[in-house]
Amino acid sequence: MKMLKKPWKPNKKVNSLLLPNLLVIGQFLFIFLLLFTANIFAVNFVLFSIQILGIILGLWSIYIMQIGNFNITPIPVENGELRKNGPYSLIRHPMYTSIFLFCIPQLIGYFSYLRLVYLVCLILVLWFKMNYEETKLRTAYSDYDAYSKKTKRFIPYLY
């Protein structure tokens, strides 16, 4: 008697995590390429100050969000809480903004066309990650639409 094998079906959970994990890998790859193809900190005082502002914004964002209330992947944590205070009262993605504040001055201080390509790729990855994350946040939090109408994505009062 022959045993019938069940046809192979892709694991839905694995497939649903593929894109978010690829976005995180891309994010860290391009940050790594930017940071380690030149000095990490800009030499110019103004550019260095912008980088420090990026670090402060990133740490402030993590403090307000609190460890355990966010994922590195663009998927809301189960039983998480939508934060609307601190930097989140002005922009929805201050952690991404902090990455830009750190990396853009670093590129300007140590410019090369290859590093410009890395930065453009990083911006694209974070833009796709942000859009993916926002679709998930709208599903997870009923008040996300109202919150998103009051705040900008990356730059207060602009975008």
N, C-alpha and C. Protein backbone atom coordinates (compact mmCIF):
# COMPACT_ATOMS: atom_id res chain seq x y z
N MET A 1 0.84 -1.17 0.00
CA MET A 1 0.00 0.00 0.00
C MET A 1 0.89 1.24 0.00
N LYS A 2 0.61 2.15 -0.89
CA LYS A 2 1.38 3.38 -1.01
C LYS A 2 0.86 4.43 -0.04
N MET A 3 1.81 5.11 0.58
CA MET A 3 1.41 6.22 1.45
C MET A 3 1.42 7.49 0.62
N LEU A 4 0.35 8.21 0.69
CA LEU A 4 0.26 9.48 -0.03
C LEU A 4 0.93 10.57 0.78
N LYS A 5 1.78 11.29 0.13
CA LYS A 5 2.42 12.42 0.79
C LYS A 5 1.57 13.65 0.59
N LYS A 6 1.53 14.45 1.62
CA LYS A 6 0.83 15.72 1.51
C LYS A 6 1.67 16.65 0.63
N PRO A 7 1.01 17.40 -0.23
CA PRO A 7 1.80 18.35 -1.04
C PRO A 7 2.41 19.41 -0.13
N TRP A 8 3.60 19.86 -0.53
CA TRP A 8 4.29 20.88 0.26
C TRP A 8 3.58 22.20 0.12
N LYS A 9 3.36 22.84 1.24
CA LYS A 9 2.76 24.18 1.25
C LYS A 9 3.71 25.10 2.01
N PRO A 10 3.90 26.30 1.47
CA PRO A 10 4.79 27.22 2.19
C PRO A 10 4.21 27.61 3.54
N ASN A 11 5.07 27.77 4.49
CA ASN A 11 4.67 28.16 5.83
C ASN A 11 4.25 29.64 5.80
N LYS A 12 3.00 29.93 6.15
CA LYS A 12 2.49 31.30 6.09
C LYS A 12 3.25 32.23 7.02
N LYS A 13 3.63 31.73 8.19
CA LYS A 13 4.35 32.57 9.14
C LYS A 13 5.73 32.94 8.58
N VAL A 14 6.41 31.99 7.98
CA VAL A 14 7.73 32.25 7.40
C VAL A 14 7.59 33.26 6.26
N ASN A 15 6.61 33.07 5.39
CA ASN A 15 6.40 34.00 4.28
C ASN A 15 6.05 35.40 4.77
N SER A 16 5.27 35.51 5.84
CA SER A 16 4.88 36.82 6.34
C SER A 16 6.04 37.55 7.02
N LEU A 17 7.06 36.83 7.42
CA LEU A 17 8.23 37.45 8.05
C LEU A 17 9.37 37.72 7.08
N LEU A 18 9.28 37.21 5.87
CA LEU A 18 10.37 37.35 4.91
C LEU A 18 10.64 38.82 4.57
N LEU A 19 9.63 39.56 4.13
CA LEU A 19 9.84 40.96 3.76
C LEU A 19 10.31 41.81 4.93
N PRO A 20 9.66 41.74 6.11
CA PRO A 20 10.15 42.56 7.23
C PRO A 20 11.60 42.25 7.59
N ASN A 21 11.98 40.98 7.57
CA ASN A 21 13.36 40.62 7.91
C ASN A 21 14.34 41.08 6.83
N LEU A 22 13.95 41.01 5.56
CA LEU A 22 14.81 41.51 4.49
C LEU A 22 15.00 43.02 4.61
N LEU A 23 13.95 43.74 5.01
CA LEU A 23 14.07 45.18 5.20
C LEU A 23 15.04 45.51 6.34
N VAL A 24 14.98 44.76 7.41
CA VAL A 24 15.91 44.97 8.54
C VAL A 24 17.34 44.66 8.11
N ILE A 25 17.53 43.57 7.39
CA ILE A 25 18.86 43.21 6.90
C ILE A 25 19.40 44.32 5.99
N GLY A 26 18.55 44.81 5.08
CA GLY A 26 18.96 45.90 4.19
C GLY A 26 19.31 47.15 4.97
N GLN A 27 18.50 47.48 5.97
CA GLN A 27 18.76 48.66 6.81
C GLN A 27 20.14 48.56 7.45
N PHE A 28 20.42 47.45 8.10
CA PHE A 28 21.69 47.32 8.79
C PHE A 28 22.87 47.19 7.83
N LEU A 29 22.66 46.58 6.69
CA LEU A 29 23.71 46.48 5.69
C LEU A 29 24.15 47.86 5.23
N PHE A 30 23.19 48.71 4.87
CA PHE A 30 23.55 50.03 4.35
C PHE A 30 24.07 50.96 5.45
N ILE A 31 23.57 50.82 6.67
CA ILE A 31 24.14 51.59 7.79
C ILE A 31 25.59 51.16 7.99
N PHE A 32 25.84 49.87 8.00
CA PHE A 32 27.20 49.34 8.16
C PHE A 32 28.11 49.87 7.06
N LEU A 33 27.66 49.79 5.81
CA LEU A 33 28.48 50.25 4.69
C LEU A 33 28.79 51.74 4.79
N LEU A 34 27.82 52.53 5.24
CA LEU A 34 28.07 53.95 5.41
C LEU A 34 29.04 54.23 6.55
N LEU A 35 28.84 53.55 7.66
CA LEU A 35 29.65 53.84 8.84
C LEU A 35 31.09 53.34 8.72
N PHE A 36 31.28 52.24 8.03
CA PHE A 36 32.62 51.64 8.05
C PHE A 36 33.38 51.78 6.74
N THR A 37 32.91 52.71 5.88
CA THR A 37 33.70 53.04 4.69
C THR A 37 34.35 54.40 4.85
N ALA A 38 34.25 54.97 6.03
CA ALA A 38 34.91 56.23 6.38
C ALA A 38 34.90 56.33 7.90
N ASN A 39 35.37 57.45 8.43
CA ASN A 39 35.30 57.64 9.87
C ASN A 39 33.83 57.68 10.30
N ILE A 40 33.56 57.16 11.46
CA ILE A 40 32.18 57.08 11.92
C ILE A 40 31.63 58.47 12.22
N PHE A 41 32.42 59.32 12.85
CA PHE A 41 31.97 60.66 13.18
C PHE A 41 32.56 61.68 12.22
N ALA A 42 31.74 62.66 11.85
CA ALA A 42 32.19 63.74 10.97
C ALA A 42 33.21 64.59 11.71
N VAL A 43 34.15 65.13 10.98
CA VAL A 43 35.20 65.96 11.57
C VAL A 43 34.70 67.39 11.77
N ASN A 44 33.90 67.86 10.87
CA ASN A 44 33.34 69.20 10.94
C ASN A 44 32.44 69.33 12.17
N PHE A 45 32.56 70.44 12.91
CA PHE A 45 31.81 70.62 14.14
C PHE A 45 30.30 70.64 13.91
N VAL A 46 29.84 71.31 12.86
CA VAL A 46 28.41 71.39 12.58
C VAL A 46 27.86 70.01 12.24
N LEU A 47 28.55 69.29 11.37
CA LEU A 47 28.10 67.94 11.00
C LEU A 47 28.13 67.00 12.19
N PHE A 48 29.17 67.11 12.99
CA PHE A 48 29.27 66.29 14.21
C PHE A 48 28.12 66.60 15.16
N SER A 49 27.77 67.88 15.28
CA SER A 49 26.66 68.29 16.16
C SER A 49 25.33 67.69 15.68
N ILE A 50 25.14 67.63 14.37
CA ILE A 50 23.92 67.03 13.82
C ILE A 50 23.90 65.53 14.15
N GLN A 51 25.06 64.89 14.05
CA GLN A 51 25.14 63.47 14.41
C GLN A 51 24.79 63.26 15.88
N ILE A 52 25.30 64.12 16.75
CA ILE A 52 24.99 64.01 18.18
C ILE A 52 23.49 64.22 18.40
N LEU A 53 22.89 65.15 17.67
CA LEU A 53 21.45 65.36 17.75
C LEU A 53 20.71 64.08 17.34
N GLY A 54 21.21 63.40 16.31
CA GLY A 54 20.62 62.13 15.88
C GLY A 54 20.70 61.07 16.97
N ILE A 55 21.84 61.00 17.64
CA ILE A 55 22.01 60.04 18.74
C ILE A 55 21.03 60.36 19.88
N ILE A 56 20.94 61.64 20.23
CA ILE A 56 20.03 62.05 21.31
C ILE A 56 18.58 61.73 20.94
N LEU A 57 18.19 62.04 19.71
CA LEU A 57 16.82 61.74 19.27
C LEU A 57 16.55 60.24 19.31
N GLY A 58 17.51 59.44 18.87
CA GLY A 58 17.35 57.99 18.90
C GLY A 58 17.19 57.46 20.31
N LEU A 59 18.03 57.92 21.23
CA LEU A 59 17.95 57.47 22.62
C LEU A 59 16.66 57.94 23.29
N TRP A 60 16.27 59.19 23.00
CA TRP A 60 15.02 59.72 23.54
C TRP A 60 13.83 58.91 23.03
N SER A 61 13.85 58.56 21.76
CA SER A 61 12.77 57.76 21.16
C SER A 61 12.67 56.39 21.81
N ILE A 62 13.81 55.76 22.03
CA ILE A 62 13.82 54.44 22.69
C ILE A 62 13.32 54.56 24.12
N TYR A 63 13.74 55.62 24.81
CA TYR A 63 13.28 55.84 26.19
C TYR A 63 11.76 56.00 26.25
N ILE A 64 11.20 56.79 25.35
CA ILE A 64 9.76 57.02 25.33
C ILE A 64 9.02 55.74 24.91
N MET A 65 9.53 55.06 23.89
CA MET A 65 8.88 53.84 23.40
C MET A 65 9.00 52.71 24.42
N GLN A 66 10.09 52.66 25.12
CA GLN A 66 10.44 51.65 26.13
C GLN A 66 10.76 50.30 25.49
N ILE A 67 11.86 49.73 25.93
CA ILE A 67 12.29 48.42 25.46
C ILE A 67 11.15 47.44 25.71
N GLY A 68 10.87 46.63 24.73
CA GLY A 68 9.80 45.65 24.85
C GLY A 68 8.50 46.11 24.20
N ASN A 69 8.42 47.41 23.87
CA ASN A 69 7.21 47.93 23.23
C ASN A 69 7.40 48.11 21.72
N PHE A 70 8.57 47.72 21.22
CA PHE A 70 8.81 47.82 19.77
C PHE A 70 9.69 46.68 19.31
N ASN A 71 9.60 46.42 18.02
CA ASN A 71 10.43 45.41 17.36
C ASN A 71 11.44 46.09 16.46
N ILE A 72 12.50 45.39 16.18
CA ILE A 72 13.43 45.89 15.17
C ILE A 72 12.82 45.68 13.78
N THR A 73 11.94 44.67 13.68
CA THR A 73 11.21 44.47 12.43
C THR A 73 10.01 45.42 12.43
N PRO A 74 9.48 45.73 11.26
CA PRO A 74 8.36 46.68 11.20
C PRO A 74 7.02 46.04 11.52
N ILE A 75 7.00 45.25 12.58
CA ILE A 75 5.78 44.57 13.01
C ILE A 75 5.51 44.97 14.46
N PRO A 76 4.33 45.51 14.74
CA PRO A 76 4.03 45.91 16.13
C PRO A 76 4.09 44.72 17.07
N VAL A 77 4.55 44.97 18.28
CA VAL A 77 4.61 43.90 19.27
C VAL A 77 3.19 43.59 19.76
N GLU A 78 3.00 42.34 20.13
CA GLU A 78 1.72 41.93 20.66
C GLU A 78 1.48 42.64 21.98
N ASN A 79 0.29 43.17 22.17
CA ASN A 79 -0.09 43.92 23.37
C ASN A 79 0.76 45.17 23.58
N GLY A 80 1.29 45.72 22.50
CA GLY A 80 2.07 46.95 22.59
C GLY A 80 1.16 48.16 22.77
N GLU A 81 1.80 49.29 23.01
CA GLU A 81 1.06 50.53 23.24
C GLU A 81 1.54 51.57 22.24
N LEU A 82 0.60 52.26 21.60
CA LEU A 82 0.94 53.32 20.65
C LEU A 82 1.39 54.54 21.44
N ARG A 83 2.63 54.95 21.23
CA ARG A 83 3.17 56.12 21.93
C ARG A 83 2.91 57.37 21.11
N LYS A 84 2.46 58.42 21.80
CA LYS A 84 2.16 59.69 21.13
C LYS A 84 2.81 60.87 21.84
N ASN A 85 3.70 60.59 22.76
CA ASN A 85 4.34 61.67 23.51
C ASN A 85 5.82 61.75 23.14
N GLY A 86 6.50 62.74 23.69
CA GLY A 86 7.92 62.94 23.37
C GLY A 86 8.08 63.24 21.89
N PRO A 87 9.09 62.67 21.26
CA PRO A 87 9.29 62.95 19.83
C PRO A 87 8.14 62.41 18.97
N TYR A 88 7.41 61.43 19.49
CA TYR A 88 6.28 60.85 18.76
C TYR A 88 5.09 61.81 18.68
N SER A 89 5.13 62.91 19.42
CA SER A 89 4.06 63.90 19.32
C SER A 89 4.22 64.75 18.06
N LEU A 90 5.43 64.74 17.46
CA LEU A 90 5.69 65.52 16.24
C LEU A 90 5.89 64.65 15.01
N ILE A 91 6.59 63.53 15.19
CA ILE A 91 6.87 62.64 14.05
C ILE A 91 6.60 61.20 14.46
N ARG A 92 6.18 60.41 13.47
CA ARG A 92 5.80 59.02 13.75
C ARG A 92 6.99 58.07 13.77
N HIS A 93 8.09 58.46 13.15
CA HIS A 93 9.25 57.57 13.05
C HIS A 93 10.55 58.27 13.46
N PRO A 94 10.62 58.71 14.72
CA PRO A 94 11.83 59.43 15.14
C PRO A 94 13.10 58.56 15.14
N MET A 95 12.96 57.25 15.28
CA MET A 95 14.15 56.40 15.24
C MET A 95 14.74 56.39 13.84
N TYR A 96 13.90 56.41 12.82
CA TYR A 96 14.40 56.49 11.44
C TYR A 96 15.03 57.85 11.19
N THR A 97 14.38 58.90 11.71
CA THR A 97 14.93 60.25 11.57
C THR A 97 16.30 60.33 12.23
N SER A 98 16.46 59.68 13.36
CA SER A 98 17.76 59.70 14.04
C SER A 98 18.84 59.03 13.19
N ILE A 99 18.47 57.99 12.45
CA ILE A 99 19.42 57.34 11.54
C ILE A 99 19.85 58.32 10.45
N PHE A 100 18.86 59.05 9.89
CA PHE A 100 19.18 60.04 8.86
C PHE A 100 20.08 61.14 9.41
N LEU A 101 19.76 61.62 10.62
CA LEU A 101 20.56 62.68 11.23
C LEU A 101 22.00 62.24 11.49
N PHE A 102 22.19 60.97 11.69
CA PHE A 102 23.55 60.47 11.91
C PHE A 102 24.27 60.22 10.59
N CYS A 103 23.60 59.61 9.64
CA CYS A 103 24.27 59.16 8.41
C CYS A 103 24.48 60.24 7.36
N ILE A 104 23.54 61.17 7.23
CA ILE A 104 23.70 62.20 6.20
C ILE A 104 24.93 63.08 6.46
N PRO A 105 25.14 63.59 7.67
CA PRO A 105 26.37 64.36 7.90
C PRO A 105 27.64 63.54 7.70
N GLN A 106 27.55 62.26 8.02
CA GLN A 106 28.72 61.40 7.84
C GLN A 106 29.05 61.27 6.36
N LEU A 107 28.04 61.19 5.51
CA LEU A 107 28.26 61.15 4.07
C LEU A 107 28.84 62.48 3.58
N ILE A 108 28.27 63.58 4.04
CA ILE A 108 28.75 64.90 3.61
C ILE A 108 30.21 65.08 4.01
N GLY A 109 30.55 64.68 5.22
CA GLY A 109 31.92 64.83 5.72
C GLY A 109 32.94 63.97 4.98
N TYR A 110 32.51 62.84 4.47
CA TYR A 110 33.41 61.90 3.78
C TYR A 110 32.74 61.45 2.49
N PHE A 111 32.49 62.40 1.61
CA PHE A 111 31.70 62.13 0.41
C PHE A 111 32.42 61.23 -0.58
N SER A 112 31.65 60.30 -1.13
CA SER A 112 32.03 59.54 -2.32
C SER A 112 30.74 59.12 -3.00
N TYR A 113 30.79 58.90 -4.30
CA TYR A 113 29.58 58.51 -5.01
C TYR A 113 29.08 57.14 -4.56
N LEU A 114 30.01 56.26 -4.22
CA LEU A 114 29.61 54.94 -3.73
C LEU A 114 28.85 55.07 -2.41
N ARG A 115 29.34 55.92 -1.52
CA ARG A 115 28.66 56.13 -0.23
C ARG A 115 27.32 56.84 -0.43
N LEU A 116 27.22 57.67 -1.47
CA LEU A 116 25.94 58.29 -1.80
C LEU A 116 24.92 57.22 -2.22
N VAL A 117 25.37 56.25 -2.99
CA VAL A 117 24.51 55.13 -3.39
C VAL A 117 24.05 54.37 -2.15
N TYR A 118 24.96 54.15 -1.20
CA TYR A 118 24.59 53.47 0.04
C TYR A 118 23.50 54.25 0.79
N LEU A 119 23.67 55.57 0.86
CA LEU A 119 22.69 56.39 1.57
C LEU A 119 21.34 56.37 0.86
N VAL A 120 21.33 56.48 -0.45
CA VAL A 120 20.08 56.42 -1.20
C VAL A 120 19.40 55.06 -0.97
N CYS A 121 20.18 53.99 -0.99
CA CYS A 121 19.62 52.66 -0.73
C CYS A 121 19.06 52.57 0.69
N LEU A 122 19.76 53.14 1.66
CA LEU A 122 19.27 53.16 3.04
C LEU A 122 17.96 53.91 3.13
N ILE A 123 17.88 55.07 2.49
CA ILE A 123 16.65 55.86 2.52
C ILE A 123 15.50 55.08 1.90
N LEU A 124 15.77 54.41 0.78
CA LEU A 124 14.72 53.61 0.14
C LEU A 124 14.26 52.45 1.03
N VAL A 125 15.21 51.76 1.64
CA VAL A 125 14.86 50.65 2.53
C VAL A 125 14.02 51.15 3.70
N LEU A 126 14.43 52.27 4.31
CA LEU A 126 13.67 52.80 5.44
C LEU A 126 12.30 53.31 5.00
N TRP A 127 12.20 53.84 3.80
CA TRP A 127 10.92 54.30 3.30
C TRP A 127 9.97 53.12 3.10
N PHE A 128 10.47 52.03 2.50
CA PHE A 128 9.64 50.83 2.33
C PHE A 128 9.29 50.23 3.69
N LYS A 129 10.25 50.21 4.59
CA LYS A 129 10.02 49.67 5.93
C LYS A 129 8.96 50.49 6.67
N MET A 130 9.03 51.81 6.54
CA MET A 130 8.07 52.70 7.17
C MET A 130 6.66 52.46 6.62
N ASN A 131 6.54 52.33 5.32
CA ASN A 131 5.22 52.08 4.71
C ASN A 131 4.65 50.74 5.16
N TYR A 132 5.49 49.72 5.19
CA TYR A 132 5.06 48.40 5.65
C TYR A 132 4.61 48.49 7.11
N GLU A 133 5.41 49.16 7.92
CA GLU A 133 5.12 49.29 9.35
C GLU A 133 3.81 50.04 9.58
N GLU A 134 3.59 51.09 8.80
CA GLU A 134 2.36 51.86 8.99
C GLU A 134 1.11 51.05 8.65
N THR A 135 1.19 50.17 7.66
CA THR A 135 0.02 49.32 7.37
C THR A 135 -0.27 48.40 8.55
N LYS A 136 0.78 47.89 9.16
CA LYS A 136 0.61 47.01 10.32
C LYS A 136 0.11 47.79 11.55
N LEU A 137 0.61 49.01 11.73
CA LEU A 137 0.18 49.83 12.86
C LEU A 137 -1.29 50.21 12.73
N ARG A 138 -1.75 50.47 11.51
CA ARG A 138 -3.17 50.80 11.31
C ARG A 138 -4.07 49.62 11.71
N THR A 139 -3.58 48.43 11.47
CA THR A 139 -4.33 47.23 11.84
C THR A 139 -4.28 47.00 13.36
N ALA A 140 -3.13 47.26 13.95
CA ALA A 140 -2.93 46.97 15.38
C ALA A 140 -3.58 48.00 16.30
N TYR A 141 -3.64 49.26 15.85
CA TYR A 141 -4.13 50.34 16.72
C TYR A 141 -5.26 51.10 16.02
N SER A 142 -6.43 51.07 16.62
CA SER A 142 -7.59 51.71 16.01
C SER A 142 -7.43 53.23 15.89
N ASP A 143 -6.64 53.84 16.75
CA ASP A 143 -6.46 55.29 16.72
C ASP A 143 -5.24 55.74 15.90
N TYR A 144 -4.63 54.81 15.16
CA TYR A 144 -3.43 55.17 14.39
C TYR A 144 -3.74 56.15 13.26
N ASP A 145 -4.89 56.00 12.61
CA ASP A 145 -5.24 56.93 11.53
C ASP A 145 -5.35 58.36 12.05
N ALA A 146 -6.02 58.54 13.16
CA ALA A 146 -6.16 59.88 13.75
C ALA A 146 -4.79 60.42 14.15
N TYR A 147 -3.97 59.59 14.74
CA TYR A 147 -2.61 59.98 15.13
C TYR A 147 -1.79 60.38 13.90
N SER A 148 -1.90 59.62 12.82
CA SER A 148 -1.09 59.91 11.63
C SER A 148 -1.52 61.21 10.96
N LYS A 149 -2.76 61.63 11.16
CA LYS A 149 -3.22 62.90 10.59
C LYS A 149 -2.67 64.10 11.36
N LYS A 150 -2.29 63.89 12.61
CA LYS A 150 -1.77 64.97 13.46
C LYS A 150 -0.26 65.09 13.40
N THR A 151 0.43 64.07 12.89
CA THR A 151 1.89 64.06 12.92
C THR A 151 2.45 63.85 11.51
N LYS A 152 3.72 64.16 11.36
CA LYS A 152 4.43 63.91 10.11
C LYS A 152 5.25 62.64 10.28
N ARG A 153 5.77 62.13 9.17
CA ARG A 153 6.52 60.88 9.23
C ARG A 153 7.93 61.05 9.78
N PHE A 154 8.73 61.92 9.17
CA PHE A 154 10.15 62.04 9.53
C PHE A 154 10.56 63.43 10.01
N ILE A 155 10.01 64.45 9.37
CA ILE A 155 10.45 65.82 9.64
C ILE A 155 9.26 66.61 10.19
N PRO A 156 9.37 67.13 11.42
CA PRO A 156 8.24 67.86 12.00
C PRO A 156 7.74 68.97 11.06
N TYR A 157 6.44 69.06 10.90
CA TYR A 157 5.74 70.07 10.13
C TYR A 157 5.97 70.00 8.62
N LEU A 158 6.82 69.09 8.13
CA LEU A 158 7.10 69.01 6.69
C LEU A 158 6.68 67.68 6.08
N TYR A 159 7.30 66.59 6.52
CA TYR A 159 7.04 65.27 5.93
C TYR A 159 7.09 64.20 7.00
